[in-house]
Amino acid sequence: MILGLGPWELALLAILFSAIFGLKQLPKAARELGRLHAWSLRLKQKLPWVSRFF
């Protein structure tokens, strides 16, 4: 589960995102989500108390 969402919810969100923004924006959005995830992991390593909020 990612952010409390199951696989069906994530699939529906992906379909909704592609319907709104188009398929050409999916790689860019995935790259940005990857950067955001890496940033949150670095933040949790530097400040362990932050992990209670994410």
N, C-alpha and C. Protein backbone atom coordinates (compact mmCIF):
# COMPACT_ATOMS: atom_id res chain seq x y z
N MET A 1 0.83 -1.18 0.00
CA MET A 1 0.00 0.00 0.00
C MET A 1 0.89 1.25 0.00
N ILE A 2 0.59 2.12 -0.90
CA ILE A 2 1.32 3.38 -1.01
C ILE A 2 0.37 4.50 -0.60
N LEU A 3 0.79 5.25 0.41
CA LEU A 3 -0.03 6.35 0.94
C LEU A 3 -1.42 5.88 1.35
N GLY A 4 -1.51 4.66 1.81
CA GLY A 4 -2.78 4.13 2.26
C GLY A 4 -3.72 3.72 1.13
N LEU A 5 -3.22 3.65 -0.09
CA LEU A 5 -4.03 3.29 -1.24
C LEU A 5 -3.66 1.89 -1.71
N GLY A 6 -4.67 1.11 -2.04
CA GLY A 6 -4.44 -0.22 -2.56
C GLY A 6 -4.17 -0.20 -4.05
N PRO A 7 -3.95 -1.37 -4.64
CA PRO A 7 -3.63 -1.42 -6.07
C PRO A 7 -4.76 -0.94 -6.97
N TRP A 8 -6.01 -1.18 -6.59
CA TRP A 8 -7.12 -0.73 -7.42
C TRP A 8 -7.26 0.78 -7.41
N GLU A 9 -7.06 1.37 -6.23
CA GLU A 9 -7.13 2.83 -6.16
C GLU A 9 -6.01 3.48 -6.95
N LEU A 10 -4.80 2.90 -6.87
CA LEU A 10 -3.68 3.45 -7.64
C LEU A 10 -3.92 3.32 -9.14
N ALA A 11 -4.50 2.20 -9.56
CA ALA A 11 -4.80 2.02 -10.99
C ALA A 11 -5.83 3.05 -11.44
N LEU A 12 -6.85 3.28 -10.63
CA LEU A 12 -7.86 4.28 -10.99
C LEU A 12 -7.27 5.69 -11.04
N LEU A 13 -6.37 6.00 -10.12
CA LEU A 13 -5.72 7.31 -10.15
C LEU A 13 -4.86 7.47 -11.39
N ALA A 14 -4.16 6.41 -11.79
CA ALA A 14 -3.33 6.47 -13.00
C ALA A 14 -4.20 6.69 -14.24
N ILE A 15 -5.32 6.01 -14.31
CA ILE A 15 -6.24 6.17 -15.44
C ILE A 15 -6.81 7.59 -15.46
N LEU A 16 -7.18 8.08 -14.31
CA LEU A 16 -7.72 9.43 -14.21
C LEU A 16 -6.68 10.47 -14.61
N PHE A 17 -5.45 10.29 -14.14
CA PHE A 17 -4.36 11.22 -14.48
C PHE A 17 -4.11 11.23 -15.98
N SER A 18 -4.07 10.03 -16.58
CA SER A 18 -3.81 9.96 -18.02
C SER A 18 -4.97 10.54 -18.82
N ALA A 19 -6.19 10.41 -18.31
CA ALA A 19 -7.34 10.97 -19.01
C ALA A 19 -7.33 12.50 -18.95
N ILE A 20 -6.87 13.04 -17.84
CA ILE A 20 -6.87 14.49 -17.69
C ILE A 20 -5.68 15.13 -18.42
N PHE A 21 -4.49 14.59 -18.21
CA PHE A 21 -3.27 15.24 -18.71
C PHE A 21 -2.72 14.61 -19.99
N GLY A 22 -3.16 13.43 -20.34
CA GLY A 22 -2.66 12.76 -21.53
C GLY A 22 -1.49 11.84 -21.22
N LEU A 23 -1.25 10.90 -22.13
CA LEU A 23 -0.23 9.89 -21.91
C LEU A 23 1.19 10.46 -22.00
N LYS A 24 1.36 11.57 -22.70
CA LYS A 24 2.71 12.13 -22.84
C LYS A 24 3.23 12.71 -21.53
N GLN A 25 2.34 13.06 -20.61
CA GLN A 25 2.76 13.65 -19.34
C GLN A 25 3.08 12.59 -18.28
N LEU A 26 2.74 11.33 -18.51
CA LEU A 26 2.97 10.29 -17.52
C LEU A 26 4.45 10.10 -17.17
N PRO A 27 5.37 10.02 -18.13
CA PRO A 27 6.79 9.86 -17.76
C PRO A 27 7.31 11.02 -16.92
N LYS A 28 6.91 12.23 -17.26
CA LYS A 28 7.35 13.40 -16.49
C LYS A 28 6.80 13.35 -15.07
N ALA A 29 5.55 12.98 -14.94
CA ALA A 29 4.95 12.89 -13.61
C ALA A 29 5.59 11.78 -12.79
N ALA A 30 5.89 10.65 -13.41
CA ALA A 30 6.54 9.55 -12.70
C ALA A 30 7.93 9.96 -12.23
N ARG A 31 8.65 10.70 -13.05
CA ARG A 31 9.98 11.18 -12.67
C ARG A 31 9.88 12.12 -11.47
N GLU A 32 8.92 13.02 -11.50
CA GLU A 32 8.74 13.96 -10.38
C GLU A 32 8.33 13.22 -9.10
N LEU A 33 7.49 12.21 -9.23
CA LEU A 33 7.11 11.43 -8.05
C LEU A 33 8.31 10.68 -7.49
N GLY A 34 9.18 10.19 -8.35
CA GLY A 34 10.40 9.53 -7.90
C GLY A 34 11.32 10.49 -7.15
N ARG A 35 11.44 11.70 -7.66
CA ARG A 35 12.25 12.71 -6.98
C ARG A 35 11.66 13.07 -5.62
N LEU A 36 10.35 13.18 -5.57
CA LEU A 36 9.68 13.49 -4.31
C LEU A 36 9.87 12.37 -3.30
N HIS A 37 9.80 11.13 -3.76
CA HIS A 37 10.01 9.99 -2.87
C HIS A 37 11.44 9.97 -2.34
N ALA A 38 12.42 10.20 -3.21
CA ALA A 38 13.82 10.23 -2.78
C ALA A 38 14.05 11.36 -1.78
N TRP A 39 13.44 12.51 -2.02
CA TRP A 39 13.57 13.64 -1.11
C TRP A 39 13.00 13.31 0.25
N SER A 40 11.84 12.64 0.28
CA SER A 40 11.24 12.28 1.57
C SER A 40 12.09 11.26 2.31
N LEU A 41 12.73 10.32 1.59
CA LEU A 41 13.61 9.36 2.24
C LEU A 41 14.83 10.04 2.84
N ARG A 42 15.42 10.99 2.10
CA ARG A 42 16.56 11.73 2.64
C ARG A 42 16.17 12.55 3.86
N LEU A 43 14.99 13.14 3.81
CA LEU A 43 14.51 13.93 4.94
C LEU A 43 14.29 13.05 6.17
N LYS A 44 13.76 11.85 5.97
CA LYS A 44 13.54 10.93 7.08
C LYS A 44 14.86 10.46 7.68
N GLN A 45 15.91 10.33 6.86
CA GLN A 45 17.21 9.93 7.39
C GLN A 45 17.84 11.05 8.22
N LYS A 46 17.71 12.27 7.76
CA LYS A 46 18.31 13.39 8.47
C LYS A 46 17.52 13.77 9.72
N LEU A 47 16.20 13.70 9.61
CA LEU A 47 15.32 14.08 10.72
C LEU A 47 14.34 12.93 11.00
N PRO A 48 14.74 11.96 11.82
CA PRO A 48 13.89 10.77 12.03
C PRO A 48 12.51 11.09 12.61
N TRP A 49 12.39 12.15 13.37
CA TRP A 49 11.10 12.48 13.95
C TRP A 49 10.08 12.90 12.90
N VAL A 50 10.55 13.27 11.72
CA VAL A 50 9.64 13.68 10.64
C VAL A 50 8.82 12.49 10.12
N SER A 51 9.36 11.28 10.28
CA SER A 51 8.68 10.09 9.74
C SER A 51 7.32 9.87 10.39
N ARG A 52 7.07 10.47 11.53
CA ARG A 52 5.74 10.35 12.14
C ARG A 52 4.68 11.09 11.35
N PHE A 53 5.09 12.07 10.56
CA PHE A 53 4.13 12.88 9.82
C PHE A 53 3.91 12.39 8.40
N PHE A 54 4.82 11.59 7.84
CA PHE A 54 4.69 11.12 6.45
C PHE A 54 4.18 9.72 6.43
